[in-house]
């Protein structure tokens, strides 16, 4: 279980898409296909 968490944390690159991917367990490709993430504030 610890290894799985570490593997997921390695995928974080500071973008909103990587954070959403980690929190939702959706691959970044699926997030983009579904409309992506707006990083505008």
PDB file of N, CA and C in Angstrom:
ATOM      1  N   UNK A   1       0.833  -1.191   0.000  1.00  0.00           N
ATOM      2  CA  UNK A   1       0.000   0.000   0.000  1.00  0.00           C
ATOM      3  C   UNK A   1       0.878   1.256   0.000  1.00  0.00           C
ATOM      4  N   UNK A   2       1.919   1.229   0.793  1.00  0.00           N
ATOM      5  CA  UNK A   2       2.823   2.378   0.844  1.00  0.00           C
ATOM      6  C   UNK A   2       3.470   2.616  -0.517  1.00  0.00           C
ATOM      7  N   UNK A   3       3.869   1.533  -1.175  1.00  0.00           N
ATOM      8  CA  UNK A   3       4.498   1.653  -2.487  1.00  0.00           C
ATOM      9  C   UNK A   3       3.541   2.259  -3.507  1.00  0.00           C
ATOM     10  N   UNK A   4       2.272   1.876  -3.446  1.00  0.00           N
ATOM     11  CA  UNK A   4       1.275   2.430  -4.370  1.00  0.00           C
ATOM     12  C   UNK A   4       1.143   3.939  -4.167  1.00  0.00           C
ATOM     13  N   UNK A   5       1.151   4.377  -2.919  1.00  0.00           N
ATOM     14  CA  UNK A   5       1.074   5.817  -2.640  1.00  0.00           C
ATOM     15  C   UNK A   5       2.298   6.544  -3.172  1.00  0.00           C
ATOM     16  N   UNK A   6       3.465   5.966  -2.975  1.00  0.00           N
ATOM     17  CA  UNK A   6       4.689   6.594  -3.466  1.00  0.00           C
ATOM     18  C   UNK A   6       4.692   6.684  -4.987  1.00  0.00           C
ATOM     19  N   UNK A   7       4.209   5.640  -5.645  1.00  0.00           N
ATOM     20  CA  UNK A   7       4.130   5.656  -7.108  1.00  0.00           C
ATOM     21  C   UNK A   7       3.215   6.772  -7.589  1.00  0.00           C
ATOM     22  N   UNK A   8       2.091   6.961  -6.908  1.00  0.00           N
ATOM     23  CA  UNK A   8       1.156   8.022  -7.299  1.00  0.00           C
ATOM     24  C   UNK A   8       1.753   9.402  -7.044  1.00  0.00           C
ATOM     25  N   UNK A   9       2.445   9.573  -5.933  1.00  0.00           N
ATOM     26  CA  UNK A   9       3.040  10.872  -5.632  1.00  0.00           C
ATOM     27  C   UNK A   9       4.119  11.239  -6.641  1.00  0.00           C
ATOM     28  N   UNK A  10       4.795  10.258  -7.199  1.00  0.00           N
ATOM     29  CA  UNK A  10       5.817  10.522  -8.215  1.00  0.00           C
ATOM     30  C   UNK A  10       5.209  11.119  -9.474  1.00  0.00           C
ATOM     31  N   UNK A  11       3.929  10.867  -9.706  1.00  0.00           N
ATOM     32  CA  UNK A  11       3.261  11.377 -10.898  1.00  0.00           C
ATOM     33  C   UNK A  11       2.881  12.849 -10.768  1.00  0.00           C
ATOM     34  N   UNK A  12       2.916  13.400  -9.562  1.00  0.00           N
ATOM     35  CA  UNK A  12       2.579  14.812  -9.373  1.00  0.00           C
ATOM     36  C   UNK A  12       3.654  15.689 -10.001  1.00  0.00           C
ATOM     37  N   UNK A  13       3.251  16.608 -10.845  1.00  0.00           N
ATOM     38  CA  UNK A  13       4.205  17.507 -11.488  1.00  0.00           C
ATOM     39  C   UNK A  13       3.895  18.970 -11.186  1.00  0.00           C
ATOM     40  N   UNK A  14       2.990  19.217 -10.255  1.00  0.00           N
ATOM     41  CA  UNK A  14       2.636  20.586  -9.894  1.00  0.00           C
ATOM     42  C   UNK A  14       1.452  21.140 -10.655  1.00  0.00           C
ATOM     43  N   UNK A  15       0.958  20.402 -11.628  1.00  0.00           N
ATOM     44  CA  UNK A  15      -0.180  20.894 -12.406  1.00  0.00           C
ATOM     45  C   UNK A  15      -1.491  20.496 -11.737  1.00  0.00           C
ATOM     46  N   UNK A  16      -2.534  21.234 -12.069  1.00  0.00           N
ATOM     47  CA  UNK A  16      -3.857  20.900 -11.543  1.00  0.00           C
ATOM     48  C   UNK A  16      -4.306  19.539 -12.056  1.00  0.00           C
ATOM     49  N   UNK A  17      -3.976  19.233 -13.306  1.00  0.00           N
ATOM     50  CA  UNK A  17      -4.378  17.948 -13.883  1.00  0.00           C
ATOM     51  C   UNK A  17      -3.764  16.778 -13.122  1.00  0.00           C
ATOM     52  N   UNK A  18      -2.508  16.898 -12.723  1.00  0.00           N
ATOM     53  CA  UNK A  18      -1.893  15.793 -11.984  1.00  0.00           C
ATOM     54  C   UNK A  18      -2.509  15.656 -10.597  1.00  0.00           C
ATOM     55  N   UNK A  19      -2.878  16.772  -9.973  1.00  0.00           N
ATOM     56  CA  UNK A  19      -3.537  16.716  -8.662  1.00  0.00           C
ATOM     57  C   UNK A  19      -4.904  16.058  -8.765  1.00  0.00           C
ATOM     58  N   UNK A  20      -5.675  16.440  -9.783  1.00  0.00           N
ATOM     59  CA  UNK A  20      -6.996  15.843  -9.979  1.00  0.00           C
ATOM     60  C   UNK A  20      -6.857  14.359 -10.286  1.00  0.00           C
ATOM     61  N   UNK A  21      -5.869  14.012 -11.077  1.00  0.00           N
ATOM     62  CA  UNK A  21      -5.627  12.610 -11.410  1.00  0.00           C
ATOM     63  C   UNK A  21      -5.345  11.802 -10.149  1.00  0.00           C
ATOM     64  N   UNK A  22      -4.519  12.343  -9.278  1.00  0.00           N
ATOM     65  CA  UNK A  22      -4.189  11.644  -8.033  1.00  0.00           C
ATOM     66  C   UNK A  22      -5.418  11.509  -7.142  1.00  0.00           C
ATOM     67  N   UNK A  23      -6.204  12.575  -7.017  1.00  0.00           N
ATOM     68  CA  UNK A  23      -7.365  12.559  -6.127  1.00  0.00           C
ATOM     69  C   UNK A  23      -8.517  11.706  -6.647  1.00  0.00           C
ATOM     70  N   UNK A  24      -8.679  11.647  -7.962  1.00  0.00           N
ATOM     71  CA  UNK A  24      -9.816  10.918  -8.532  1.00  0.00           C
ATOM     72  C   UNK A  24      -9.454   9.532  -9.033  1.00  0.00           C
ATOM     73  N   UNK A  25      -8.159   9.245  -9.119  1.00  0.00           N
ATOM     74  CA  UNK A  25      -7.661   7.971  -9.641  1.00  0.00           C
ATOM     75  C   UNK A  25      -7.977   7.803 -11.127  1.00  0.00           C
ATOM     76  N   UNK A  26      -8.216   8.926 -11.818  1.00  0.00           N
ATOM     77  CA  UNK A  26      -8.409   8.905 -13.273  1.00  0.00           C
ATOM     78  C   UNK A  26      -7.074   9.214 -13.939  1.00  0.00           C
ATOM     79  N   UNK A  27      -6.737   8.505 -14.997  1.00  0.00           N
ATOM     80  CA  UNK A  27      -5.510   8.838 -15.728  1.00  0.00           C
ATOM     81  C   UNK A  27      -5.610  10.242 -16.336  1.00  0.00           C
ATOM     82  N   UNK A  28      -4.488  10.925 -16.433  1.00  0.00           N
ATOM     83  CA  UNK A  28      -4.470  12.279 -16.993  1.00  0.00           C
ATOM     84  C   UNK A  28      -5.053  12.305 -18.401  1.00  0.00           C
ATOM     85  N   UNK A  29      -4.853  11.237 -19.162  1.00  0.00           N
ATOM     86  CA  UNK A  29      -5.393  11.164 -20.521  1.00  0.00           C
ATOM     87  C   UNK A  29      -6.923  11.204 -20.501  1.00  0.00           C
ATOM     88  N   UNK A  30      -7.528  10.521 -19.540  1.00  0.00           N
ATOM     89  CA  UNK A  30      -8.993  10.531 -19.427  1.00  0.00           C
ATOM     90  C   UNK A  30      -9.499  11.913 -19.034  1.00  0.00           C
ATOM     91  N   UNK A  31      -8.783  12.583 -18.168  1.00  0.00           N
ATOM     92  CA  UNK A  31      -9.179  13.929 -17.748  1.00  0.00           C
ATOM     93  C   UNK A  31      -9.166  14.868 -18.952  1.00  0.00           C
ATOM     94  N   UNK A  32      -8.122  14.786 -19.763  1.00  0.00           N
ATOM     95  CA  UNK A  32      -8.047  15.612 -20.974  1.00  0.00           C
ATOM     96  C   UNK A  32      -9.172  15.272 -21.940  1.00  0.00           C
ATOM     97  N   UNK A  33      -9.446  13.988 -22.107  1.00  0.00           N
ATOM     98  CA  UNK A  33     -10.494  13.542 -23.026  1.00  0.00           C
ATOM     99  C   UNK A  33     -11.861  14.052 -22.573  1.00  0.00           C
ATOM    100  N   UNK A  34     -12.054  14.180 -21.266  1.00  0.00           N
ATOM    101  CA  UNK A  34     -13.333  14.633 -20.719  1.00  0.00           C
ATOM    102  C   UNK A  34     -13.460  16.157 -20.674  1.00  0.00           C
ATOM    103  N   UNK A  35     -12.479  16.859 -21.162  1.00  0.00           N
ATOM    104  CA  UNK A  35     -12.570  18.318 -21.207  1.00  0.00           C
ATOM    105  C   UNK A  35     -11.412  19.033 -20.551  1.00  0.00           C
ATOM    106  N   UNK A  36     -10.566  18.299 -19.880  1.00  0.00           N
ATOM    107  CA  UNK A  36      -9.382  18.895 -19.282  1.00  0.00           C
ATOM    108  C   UNK A  36      -9.669  19.683 -18.019  1.00  0.00           C
ATOM    109  N   UNK A  37      -8.639  20.339 -17.558  1.00  0.00           N
ATOM    110  CA  UNK A  37      -8.695  21.129 -16.331  1.00  0.00           C
ATOM    111  C   UNK A  37      -8.281  22.553 -16.680  1.00  0.00           C
ATOM    112  N   UNK A  38      -9.079  23.511 -16.286  1.00  0.00           N
ATOM    113  CA  UNK A  38      -8.712  24.910 -16.474  1.00  0.00           C
ATOM    114  C   UNK A  38      -7.865  25.335 -15.288  1.00  0.00           C
ATOM    115  N   UNK A  39      -6.649  25.797 -15.556  1.00  0.00           N
ATOM    116  CA  UNK A  39      -5.760  26.222 -14.482  1.00  0.00           C
ATOM    117  C   UNK A  39      -5.802  27.726 -14.287  1.00  0.00           C
ATOM    118  N   UNK A  40      -6.767  28.395 -14.947  1.00  0.00           N
ATOM    119  CA  UNK A  40      -6.933  29.836 -14.763  1.00  0.00           C
ATOM    120  C   UNK A  40      -7.532  30.098 -13.393  1.00  0.00           C
ATOM    121  N   UNK A  41      -7.058  31.140 -12.738  1.00  0.00           N
ATOM    122  CA  UNK A  41      -7.603  31.473 -11.417  1.00  0.00           C
ATOM    123  C   UNK A  41      -8.431  32.713 -11.478  1.00  0.00           C
TER     124      UNK A  41
END
